[in-house]
Amino acid sequence: MYTSDLYIIKGACMVRTQIYLTEKEKTGLKSAASAQGVSQSDLIRQAIDDLLARSGEIDKDRILDEIAGVWANRHDISDVRDLRTGWRRRPAR
């Protein structure tokens, strides 16, 4: 059974987790964190955030490539420019 505790750290709600590292990874992490003046936890979170940002961009680009032109041959949908001609502009403030 997995249980988690929530913690507020640096103004963010965090879930405590545990990971296993090799001795080489642990030593490298400790050295890198010390060199950058941050905690090992901060360095791990930064790496995870970077990984998620990169994978999100890759997924977004892949999805856009897959859906490009899906409505190109649809004749039952009006051209968006025709639809927009009837729209009223917002009144000026």
PDB file of N, CA and C in Angstrom:
ATOM      1  N   MET A   1       0.851  -1.185   0.000  1.00  0.00           N
ATOM      2  CA  MET A   1       0.000   0.000   0.000  1.00  0.00           C
ATOM      3  C   MET A   1       0.888   1.236   0.000  1.00  0.00           C
ATOM      4  N   TYR A   2       0.544   2.188  -0.804  1.00  0.00           N
ATOM      5  CA  TYR A   2       1.315   3.425  -0.895  1.00  0.00           C
ATOM      6  C   TYR A   2       0.575   4.523  -0.163  1.00  0.00           C
ATOM      7  N   THR A   3       1.265   5.156   0.726  1.00  0.00           N
ATOM      8  CA  THR A   3       0.687   6.326   1.392  1.00  0.00           C
ATOM      9  C   THR A   3       1.613   7.494   1.142  1.00  0.00           C
ATOM     10  N   SER A   4       1.064   8.654   1.104  1.00  0.00           N
ATOM     11  CA  SER A   4       1.891   9.836   0.887  1.00  0.00           C
ATOM     12  C   SER A   4       1.501  10.921   1.876  1.00  0.00           C
ATOM     13  N   ASP A   5       2.457  11.706   2.181  1.00  0.00           N
ATOM     14  CA  ASP A   5       2.231  12.861   3.034  1.00  0.00           C
ATOM     15  C   ASP A   5       2.512  14.102   2.211  1.00  0.00           C
ATOM     16  N   LEU A   6       1.713  15.115   2.402  1.00  0.00           N
ATOM     17  CA  LEU A   6       1.917  16.373   1.696  1.00  0.00           C
ATOM     18  C   LEU A   6       2.704  17.317   2.581  1.00  0.00           C
ATOM     19  N   TYR A   7       3.605  18.049   1.970  1.00  0.00           N
ATOM     20  CA  TYR A   7       4.432  19.010   2.687  1.00  0.00           C
ATOM     21  C   TYR A   7       4.407  20.321   1.926  1.00  0.00           C
ATOM     22  N   ILE A   8       4.464  21.398   2.663  1.00  0.00           N
ATOM     23  CA  ILE A   8       4.604  22.721   2.051  1.00  0.00           C
ATOM     24  C   ILE A   8       6.074  23.101   2.176  1.00  0.00           C
ATOM     25  N   ILE A   9       6.745  23.191   1.027  1.00  0.00           N
ATOM     26  CA  ILE A   9       8.168  23.522   0.995  1.00  0.00           C
ATOM     27  C   ILE A   9       8.353  24.637  -0.020  1.00  0.00           C
ATOM     28  N   LYS A  10       8.974  25.721   0.412  1.00  0.00           N
ATOM     29  CA  LYS A  10       9.218  26.873  -0.449  1.00  0.00           C
ATOM     30  C   LYS A  10       7.927  27.348  -1.117  1.00  0.00           C
ATOM     31  N   GLY A  11       6.840  27.285  -0.359  1.00  0.00           N
ATOM     32  CA  GLY A  11       5.559  27.785  -0.849  1.00  0.00           C
ATOM     33  C   GLY A  11       4.824  26.852  -1.796  1.00  0.00           C
ATOM     34  N   ALA A  12       5.352  25.651  -2.016  1.00  0.00           N
ATOM     35  CA  ALA A  12       4.692  24.713  -2.922  1.00  0.00           C
ATOM     36  C   ALA A  12       4.290  23.460  -2.154  1.00  0.00           C
ATOM     37  N   CYS A  13       3.156  22.902  -2.538  1.00  0.00           N
ATOM     38  CA  CYS A  13       2.700  21.661  -1.927  1.00  0.00           C
ATOM     39  C   CYS A  13       3.444  20.509  -2.593  1.00  0.00           C
ATOM     40  N   MET A  14       4.127  19.711  -1.803  1.00  0.00           N
ATOM     41  CA  MET A  14       4.954  18.635  -2.342  1.00  0.00           C
ATOM     42  C   MET A  14       4.577  17.305  -1.717  1.00  0.00           C
ATOM     43  N   VAL A  15       4.819  16.251  -2.463  1.00  0.00           N
ATOM     44  CA  VAL A  15       4.605  14.891  -2.004  1.00  0.00           C
ATOM     45  C   VAL A  15       5.974  14.271  -1.797  1.00  0.00           C
ATOM     46  N   ARG A  16       6.175  13.684  -0.644  1.00  0.00           N
ATOM     47  CA  ARG A  16       7.465  13.056  -0.350  1.00  0.00           C
ATOM     48  C   ARG A  16       7.552  11.739  -1.102  1.00  0.00           C
ATOM     49  N   THR A  17       8.710  11.498  -1.706  1.00  0.00           N
ATOM     50  CA  THR A  17       8.929  10.251  -2.426  1.00  0.00           C
ATOM     51  C   THR A  17      10.339   9.755  -2.150  1.00  0.00           C
ATOM     52  N   GLN A  18      10.604   8.542  -2.543  1.00  0.00           N
ATOM     53  CA  GLN A  18      11.907   7.933  -2.295  1.00  0.00           C
ATOM     54  C   GLN A  18      12.418   7.338  -3.603  1.00  0.00           C
ATOM     55  N   ILE A  19      13.712   7.520  -3.886  1.00  0.00           N
ATOM     56  CA  ILE A  19      14.311   6.948  -5.088  1.00  0.00           C
ATOM     57  C   ILE A  19      15.573   6.186  -4.707  1.00  0.00           C
ATOM     58  N   TYR A  20      15.969   5.282  -5.568  1.00  0.00           N
ATOM     59  CA  TYR A  20      17.209   4.540  -5.375  1.00  0.00           C
ATOM     60  C   TYR A  20      18.224   5.029  -6.391  1.00  0.00           C
ATOM     61  N   LEU A  21      19.427   5.359  -5.912  1.00  0.00           N
ATOM     62  CA  LEU A  21      20.511   5.814  -6.769  1.00  0.00           C
ATOM     63  C   LEU A  21      21.711   4.904  -6.585  1.00  0.00           C
ATOM     64  N   THR A  22      22.517   4.814  -7.635  1.00  0.00           N
ATOM     65  CA  THR A  22      23.790   4.114  -7.484  1.00  0.00           C
ATOM     66  C   THR A  22      24.726   5.019  -6.695  1.00  0.00           C
ATOM     67  N   GLU A  23      25.806   4.470  -6.202  1.00  0.00           N
ATOM     68  CA  GLU A  23      26.799   5.283  -5.483  1.00  0.00           C
ATOM     69  C   GLU A  23      27.325   6.390  -6.383  1.00  0.00           C
ATOM     70  N   LYS A  24      27.566   6.064  -7.648  1.00  0.00           N
ATOM     71  CA  LYS A  24      28.079   7.054  -8.601  1.00  0.00           C
ATOM     72  C   LYS A  24      27.064   8.188  -8.795  1.00  0.00           C
ATOM     73  N   GLU A  25      25.776   7.846  -8.937  1.00  0.00           N
ATOM     74  CA  GLU A  25      24.736   8.862  -9.099  1.00  0.00           C
ATOM     75  C   GLU A  25      24.632   9.736  -7.855  1.00  0.00           C
ATOM     76  N   LYS A  26      24.671   9.118  -6.694  1.00  0.00           N
ATOM     77  CA  LYS A  26      24.563   9.855  -5.426  1.00  0.00           C
ATOM     78  C   LYS A  26      25.725  10.814  -5.256  1.00  0.00           C
ATOM     79  N   THR A  27      26.941  10.339  -5.548  1.00  0.00           N
ATOM     80  CA  THR A  27      28.127  11.190  -5.431  1.00  0.00           C
ATOM     81  C   THR A  27      28.061  12.347  -6.426  1.00  0.00           C
ATOM     82  N   GLY A  28      27.651  12.046  -7.659  1.00  0.00           N
ATOM     83  CA  GLY A  28      27.526  13.092  -8.677  1.00  0.00           C
ATOM     84  C   GLY A  28      26.461  14.109  -8.325  1.00  0.00           C
ATOM     85  N   LEU A  29      25.349  13.628  -7.803  1.00  0.00           N
ATOM     86  CA  LEU A  29      24.262  14.522  -7.388  1.00  0.00           C
ATOM     87  C   LEU A  29      24.722  15.450  -6.273  1.00  0.00           C
ATOM     88  N   LYS A  30      25.418  14.883  -5.290  1.00  0.00           N
ATOM     89  CA  LYS A  30      25.906  15.678  -4.166  1.00  0.00           C
ATOM     90  C   LYS A  30      26.884  16.739  -4.641  1.00  0.00           C
ATOM     91  N   SER A  31      27.792  16.363  -5.522  1.00  0.00           N
ATOM     92  CA  SER A  31      28.780  17.316  -6.053  1.00  0.00           C
ATOM     93  C   SER A  31      28.114  18.416  -6.868  1.00  0.00           C
ATOM     94  N   ALA A  32      27.173  18.031  -7.734  1.00  0.00           N
ATOM     95  CA  ALA A  32      26.492  19.018  -8.581  1.00  0.00           C
ATOM     96  C   ALA A  32      25.667  19.986  -7.743  1.00  0.00           C
ATOM     97  N   ALA A  33      24.982  19.465  -6.746  1.00  0.00           N
ATOM     98  CA  ALA A  33      24.170  20.325  -5.880  1.00  0.00           C
ATOM     99  C   ALA A  33      25.065  21.302  -5.124  1.00  0.00           C
ATOM    100  N   SER A  34      26.180  20.806  -4.618  1.00  0.00           N
ATOM    101  CA  SER A  34      27.112  21.668  -3.893  1.00  0.00           C
ATOM    102  C   SER A  34      27.680  22.748  -4.806  1.00  0.00           C
ATOM    103  N   ALA A  35      28.048  22.360  -6.016  1.00  0.00           N
ATOM    104  CA  ALA A  35      28.619  23.317  -6.973  1.00  0.00           C
ATOM    105  C   ALA A  35      27.623  24.401  -7.355  1.00  0.00           C
ATOM    106  N   GLN A  36      26.343  24.041  -7.412  1.00  0.00           N
ATOM    107  CA  GLN A  36      25.310  25.010  -7.802  1.00  0.00           C
ATOM    108  C   GLN A  36      24.709  25.746  -6.611  1.00  0.00           C
ATOM    109  N   GLY A  37      25.082  25.317  -5.411  1.00  0.00           N
ATOM    110  CA  GLY A  37      24.565  25.977  -4.220  1.00  0.00           C
ATOM    111  C   GLY A  37      23.094  25.709  -3.959  1.00  0.00           C
ATOM    112  N   VAL A  38      22.637  24.527  -4.353  1.00  0.00           N
ATOM    113  CA  VAL A  38      21.244  24.153  -4.123  1.00  0.00           C
ATOM    114  C   VAL A  38      21.220  22.800  -3.424  1.00  0.00           C
ATOM    115  N   SER A  39      20.054  22.435  -2.925  1.00  0.00           N
ATOM    116  CA  SER A  39      19.938  21.123  -2.279  1.00  0.00           C
ATOM    117  C   SER A  39      19.861  20.029  -3.350  1.00  0.00           C
ATOM    118  N   GLN A  40      20.127  18.817  -2.924  1.00  0.00           N
ATOM    119  CA  GLN A  40      20.008  17.692  -3.840  1.00  0.00           C
ATOM    120  C   GLN A  40      18.566  17.552  -4.311  1.00  0.00           C
ATOM    121  N   SER A  41      17.623  17.781  -3.421  1.00  0.00           N
ATOM    122  CA  SER A  41      16.204  17.712  -3.788  1.00  0.00           C
ATOM    123  C   SER A  41      15.857  18.749  -4.843  1.00  0.00           C
ATOM    124  N   ASP A  42      16.383  19.974  -4.680  1.00  0.00           N
ATOM    125  CA  ASP A  42      16.135  21.018  -5.678  1.00  0.00           C
ATOM    126  C   ASP A  42      16.669  20.599  -7.043  1.00  0.00           C
ATOM    127  N   LEU A  43      17.851  20.026  -7.049  1.00  0.00           N
ATOM    128  CA  LEU A  43      18.474  19.604  -8.299  1.00  0.00           C
ATOM    129  C   LEU A  43      17.652  18.492  -8.967  1.00  0.00           C
ATOM    130  N   ILE A  44      17.171  17.568  -8.183  1.00  0.00           N
ATOM    131  CA  ILE A  44      16.327  16.493  -8.727  1.00  0.00           C
ATOM    132  C   ILE A  44      15.037  17.080  -9.297  1.00  0.00           C
ATOM    133  N   ARG A  45      14.402  18.008  -8.561  1.00  0.00           N
ATOM    134  CA  ARG A  45      13.162  18.629  -9.059  1.00  0.00           C
ATOM    135  C   ARG A  45      13.414  19.394 -10.351  1.00  0.00           C
ATOM    136  N   GLN A  46      14.545  20.113 -10.423  1.00  0.00           N
ATOM    137  CA  GLN A  46      14.878  20.846 -11.654  1.00  0.00           C
ATOM    138  C   GLN A  46      15.027  19.885 -12.832  1.00  0.00           C
ATOM    139  N   ALA A  47      15.703  18.770 -12.600  1.00  0.00           N
ATOM    140  CA  ALA A  47      15.895  17.782 -13.668  1.00  0.00           C
ATOM    141  C   ALA A  47      14.564  17.205 -14.123  1.00  0.00           C
ATOM    142  N   ILE A  48      13.682  16.927 -13.182  1.00  0.00           N
ATOM    143  CA  ILE A  48      12.365  16.383 -13.519  1.00  0.00           C
ATOM    144  C   ILE A  48      11.548  17.421 -14.283  1.00  0.00           C
ATOM    145  N   ASP A  49      11.569  18.679 -13.822  1.00  0.00           N
ATOM    146  CA  ASP A  49      10.847  19.741 -14.520  1.00  0.00           C
ATOM    147  C   ASP A  49      11.354  19.897 -15.955  1.00  0.00           C
ATOM    148  N   ASP A  50      12.679  19.858 -16.142  1.00  0.00           N
ATOM    149  CA  ASP A  50      13.260  19.955 -17.486  1.00  0.00           C
ATOM    150  C   ASP A  50      12.809  18.789 -18.366  1.00  0.00           C
ATOM    151  N   LEU A  51      12.836  17.593 -17.811  1.00  0.00           N
ATOM    152  CA  LEU A  51      12.411  16.411 -18.549  1.00  0.00           C
ATOM    153  C   LEU A  51      10.946  16.515 -18.960  1.00  0.00           C
ATOM    154  N   LEU A  52      10.097  16.927 -18.029  1.00  0.00           N
ATOM    155  CA  LEU A  52       8.673  17.049 -18.332  1.00  0.00           C
ATOM    156  C   LEU A  52       8.403  18.133 -19.367  1.00  0.00           C
ATOM    157  N   ALA A  53       9.135  19.237 -19.281  1.00  0.00           N
ATOM    158  CA  ALA A  53       8.959  20.322 -20.255  1.00  0.00           C
ATOM    159  C   ALA A  53       9.354  19.847 -21.653  1.00  0.00           C
ATOM    160  N   ARG A  54      10.473  19.137 -21.743  1.00  0.00           N
ATOM    161  CA  ARG A  54      10.918  18.638 -23.046  1.00  0.00           C
ATOM    162  C   ARG A  54       9.949  17.605 -23.606  1.00  0.00           C
ATOM    163  N   SER A  55       9.508  16.690 -22.782  1.00  0.00           N
ATOM    164  CA  SER A  55       8.602  15.655 -23.281  1.00  0.00           C
ATOM    165  C   SER A  55       7.251  16.250 -23.645  1.00  0.00           C
ATOM    166  N   GLY A  56       6.824  17.280 -22.922  1.00  0.00           N
ATOM    167  CA  GLY A  56       5.577  17.965 -23.254  1.00  0.00           C
ATOM    168  C   GLY A  56       5.658  18.645 -24.597  1.00  0.00           C
ATOM    169  N   GLU A  57       6.792  19.278 -24.885  1.00  0.00           N
ATOM    170  CA  GLU A  57       6.970  19.934 -26.174  1.00  0.00           C
ATOM    171  C   GLU A  57       6.994  18.910 -27.295  1.00  0.00           C
ATOM    172  N   ILE A  58       7.653  17.806 -27.062  1.00  0.00           N
ATOM    173  CA  ILE A  58       7.727  16.755 -28.076  1.00  0.00           C
ATOM    174  C   ILE A  58       6.336  16.216 -28.349  1.00  0.00           C
ATOM    175  N   ASP A  59       5.579  15.930 -27.301  1.00  0.00           N
ATOM    176  CA  ASP A  59       4.226  15.414 -27.471  1.00  0.00           C
ATOM    177  C   ASP A  59       3.340  16.421 -28.185  1.00  0.00           C
ATOM    178  N   LYS A  60       3.461  17.692 -27.824  1.00  0.00           N
ATOM    179  CA  LYS A  60       2.637  18.724 -28.451  1.00  0.00           C
ATOM    180  C   LYS A  60       2.958  18.811 -29.947  1.00  0.00           C
ATOM    181  N   ASP A  61       4.238  18.819 -30.289  1.00  0.00           N
ATOM    182  CA  ASP A  61       4.626  18.886 -31.695  1.00  0.00           C
ATOM    183  C   ASP A  61       4.161  17.649 -32.459  1.00  0.00           C
ATOM    184  N   ARG A  62       4.293  16.481 -31.833  1.00  0.00           N
ATOM    185  CA  ARG A  62       3.868  15.242 -32.476  1.00  0.00           C
ATOM    186  C   ARG A  62       2.361  15.253 -32.731  1.00  0.00           C
ATOM    187  N   ILE A  63       1.618  15.715 -31.748  1.00  0.00           N
ATOM    188  CA  ILE A  63       0.156  15.767 -31.885  1.00  0.00           C
ATOM    189  C   ILE A  63      -0.248  16.751 -32.970  1.00  0.00           C
ATOM    190  N   LEU A  64       0.389  17.920 -32.995  1.00  0.00           N
ATOM    191  CA  LEU A  64       0.069  18.904 -34.033  1.00  0.00           C
ATOM    192  C   LEU A  64       0.374  18.358 -35.421  1.00  0.00           C
ATOM    193  N   ASP A  65       1.497  17.644 -35.545  1.00  0.00           N
ATOM    194  CA  ASP A  65       1.833  17.032 -36.833  1.00  0.00           C
ATOM    195  C   ASP A  65       0.787  16.002 -37.245  1.00  0.00           C
ATOM    196  N   GLU A  66       0.300  15.225 -36.285  1.00  0.00           N
ATOM    197  CA  GLU A  66      -0.669  14.180 -36.586  1.00  0.00           C
ATOM    198  C   GLU A  66      -2.027  14.747 -36.997  1.00  0.00           C
ATOM    199  N   ILE A  67      -2.426  15.885 -36.421  1.00  0.00           N
ATOM    200  CA  ILE A  67      -3.754  16.409 -36.723  1.00  0.00           C
ATOM    201  C   ILE A  67      -3.760  17.468 -37.818  1.00  0.00           C
ATOM    202  N   ALA A  68      -2.593  17.847 -38.306  1.00  0.00           N
ATOM    203  CA  ALA A  68      -2.526  18.881 -39.343  1.00  0.00           C
ATOM    204  C   ALA A  68      -3.324  18.447 -40.566  1.00  0.00           C
ATOM    205  N   GLY A  69      -4.240  19.279 -40.974  1.00  0.00           N
ATOM    206  CA  GLY A  69      -5.004  19.034 -42.185  1.00  0.00           C
ATOM    207  C   GLY A  69      -6.153  18.044 -42.062  1.00  0.00           C
ATOM    208  N   VAL A  70      -6.539  17.667 -40.853  1.00  0.00           N
ATOM    209  CA  VAL A  70      -7.589  16.661 -40.715  1.00  0.00           C
ATOM    210  C   VAL A  70      -8.928  17.132 -41.284  1.00  0.00           C
ATOM    211  N   TRP A  71      -9.143  18.426 -41.368  1.00  0.00           N
ATOM    212  CA  TRP A  71     -10.390  18.932 -41.906  1.00  0.00           C
ATOM    213  C   TRP A  71     -10.221  19.489 -43.321  1.00  0.00           C
ATOM    214  N   ALA A  72      -9.104  19.239 -43.935  1.00  0.00           N
ATOM    215  CA  ALA A  72      -8.800  19.834 -45.236  1.00  0.00           C
ATOM    216  C   ALA A  72      -9.826  19.476 -46.302  1.00  0.00           C
ATOM    217  N   ASN A  73     -10.330  18.280 -46.282  1.00  0.00           N
ATOM    218  CA  ASN A  73     -11.259  17.844 -47.337  1.00  0.00           C
ATOM    219  C   ASN A  73     -12.706  17.816 -46.872  1.00  0.00           C
ATOM    220  N   ARG A  74     -13.002  18.507 -45.792  1.00  0.00           N
ATOM    221  CA  ARG A  74     -14.384  18.555 -45.290  1.00  0.00           C
ATOM    222  C   ARG A  74     -15.133  19.661 -46.029  1.00  0.00           C
ATOM    223  N   HIS A  75     -16.254  19.297 -46.628  1.00  0.00           N
ATOM    224  CA  HIS A  75     -17.057  20.281 -47.358  1.00  0.00           C
ATOM    225  C   HIS A  75     -18.324  20.636 -46.605  1.00  0.00           C
ATOM    226  N   ASP A  76     -18.545  19.977 -45.474  1.00  0.00           N
ATOM    227  CA  ASP A  76     -19.747  20.235 -44.684  1.00  0.00           C
ATOM    228  C   ASP A  76     -19.518  21.302 -43.611  1.00  0.00           C
ATOM    229  N   ILE A  77     -18.307  21.856 -43.564  1.00  0.00           N
ATOM    230  CA  ILE A  77     -17.971  22.872 -42.568  1.00  0.00           C
ATOM    231  C   ILE A  77     -17.692  24.177 -43.298  1.00  0.00           C
ATOM    232  N   SER A  78     -18.319  25.243 -42.851  1.00  0.00           N
ATOM    233  CA  SER A  78     -18.110  26.543 -43.483  1.00  0.00           C
ATOM    234  C   SER A  78     -16.688  27.027 -43.262  1.00  0.00           C
ATOM    235  N   ASP A  79     -16.224  27.852 -44.168  1.00  0.00           N
ATOM    236  CA  ASP A  79     -14.916  28.478 -44.016  1.00  0.00           C
ATOM    237  C   ASP A  79     -14.981  29.404 -42.807  1.00  0.00           C
ATOM    238  N   VAL A  80     -13.986  29.377 -41.971  1.00  0.00           N
ATOM    239  CA  VAL A  80     -13.986  30.184 -40.748  1.00  0.00           C
ATOM    240  C   VAL A  80     -14.097  31.677 -41.053  1.00  0.00           C
ATOM    241  N   ARG A  81     -13.558  32.101 -42.183  1.00  0.00           N
ATOM    242  CA  ARG A  81     -13.666  33.530 -42.536  1.00  0.00           C
ATOM    243  C   ARG A  81     -15.120  33.909 -42.791  1.00  0.00           C
ATOM    244  N   ASP A  82     -15.883  32.984 -43.385  1.00  0.00           N
ATOM    245  CA  ASP A  82     -17.311  33.250 -43.603  1.00  0.00           C
ATOM    246  C   ASP A  82     -18.058  33.308 -42.277  1.00  0.00           C
ATOM    247  N   LEU A  83     -17.695  32.418 -41.366  1.00  0.00           N
ATOM    248  CA  LEU A  83     -18.344  32.404 -40.057  1.00  0.00           C
ATOM    249  C   LEU A  83     -18.068  33.685 -39.282  1.00  0.00           C
ATOM    250  N   ARG A  84     -16.856  34.197 -39.390  1.00  0.00           N
ATOM    251  CA  ARG A  84     -16.456  35.366 -38.598  1.00  0.00           C
ATOM    252  C   ARG A  84     -17.061  36.668 -39.094  1.00  0.00           C
ATOM    253  N   THR A  85     -17.541  36.704 -40.305  1.00  0.00           N
ATOM    254  CA  THR A  85     -18.083  37.974 -40.817  1.00  0.00           C
ATOM    255  C   THR A  85     -19.302  38.425 -40.027  1.00  0.00           C
ATOM    256  N   GLY A  86     -20.024  37.485 -39.445  1.00  0.00           N
ATOM    257  CA  GLY A  86     -21.204  37.843 -38.683  1.00  0.00           C
ATOM    258  C   GLY A  86     -20.927  38.200 -37.232  1.00  0.00           C
ATOM    259  N   TRP A  87     -19.711  38.022 -36.797  1.00  0.00           N
ATOM    260  CA  TRP A  87     -19.384  38.309 -35.401  1.00  0.00           C
ATOM    261  C   TRP A  87     -19.292  39.804 -35.182  1.00  0.00           C
ATOM    262  N   ARG A  88     -19.768  40.214 -34.027  1.00  0.00           N
ATOM    263  CA  ARG A  88     -19.660  41.626 -33.683  1.00  0.00           C
ATOM    264  C   ARG A  88     -18.397  41.828 -32.845  1.00  0.00           C
ATOM    265  N   ARG A  89     -17.806  42.949 -33.043  1.00  0.00           N
ATOM    266  CA  ARG A  89     -16.621  43.279 -32.225  1.00  0.00           C
ATOM    267  C   ARG A  89     -17.063  43.745 -30.846  1.00  0.00           C
ATOM    268  N   ARG A  90     -16.183  43.576 -29.889  1.00  0.00           N
ATOM    269  CA  ARG A  90     -16.479  44.068 -28.532  1.00  0.00           C
ATOM    270  C   ARG A  90     -16.548  45.594 -28.554  1.00  0.00           C
ATOM    271  N   PRO A  91     -17.428  46.129 -27.769  1.00  0.00           N
ATOM    272  CA  PRO A  91     -17.488  47.593 -27.695  1.00  0.00           C
ATOM    273  C   PRO A  91     -16.217  48.159 -27.068  1.00  0.00           C
ATOM    274  N   ALA A  92     -15.808  49.310 -27.529  1.00  0.00           N
ATOM    275  CA  ALA A  92     -14.617  49.961 -26.970  1.00  0.00           C
ATOM    276  C   ALA A  92     -14.893  50.380 -25.548  1.00  0.00           C
ATOM    277  N   ARG A  93     -13.891  50.316 -24.721  1.00  0.00           N
ATOM    278  CA  ARG A  93     -14.050  50.709 -23.317  1.00  0.00           C
ATOM    279  C   ARG A  93     -13.779  52.151 -23.124  1.00  0.00           C
TER     280      ARG A  93
END
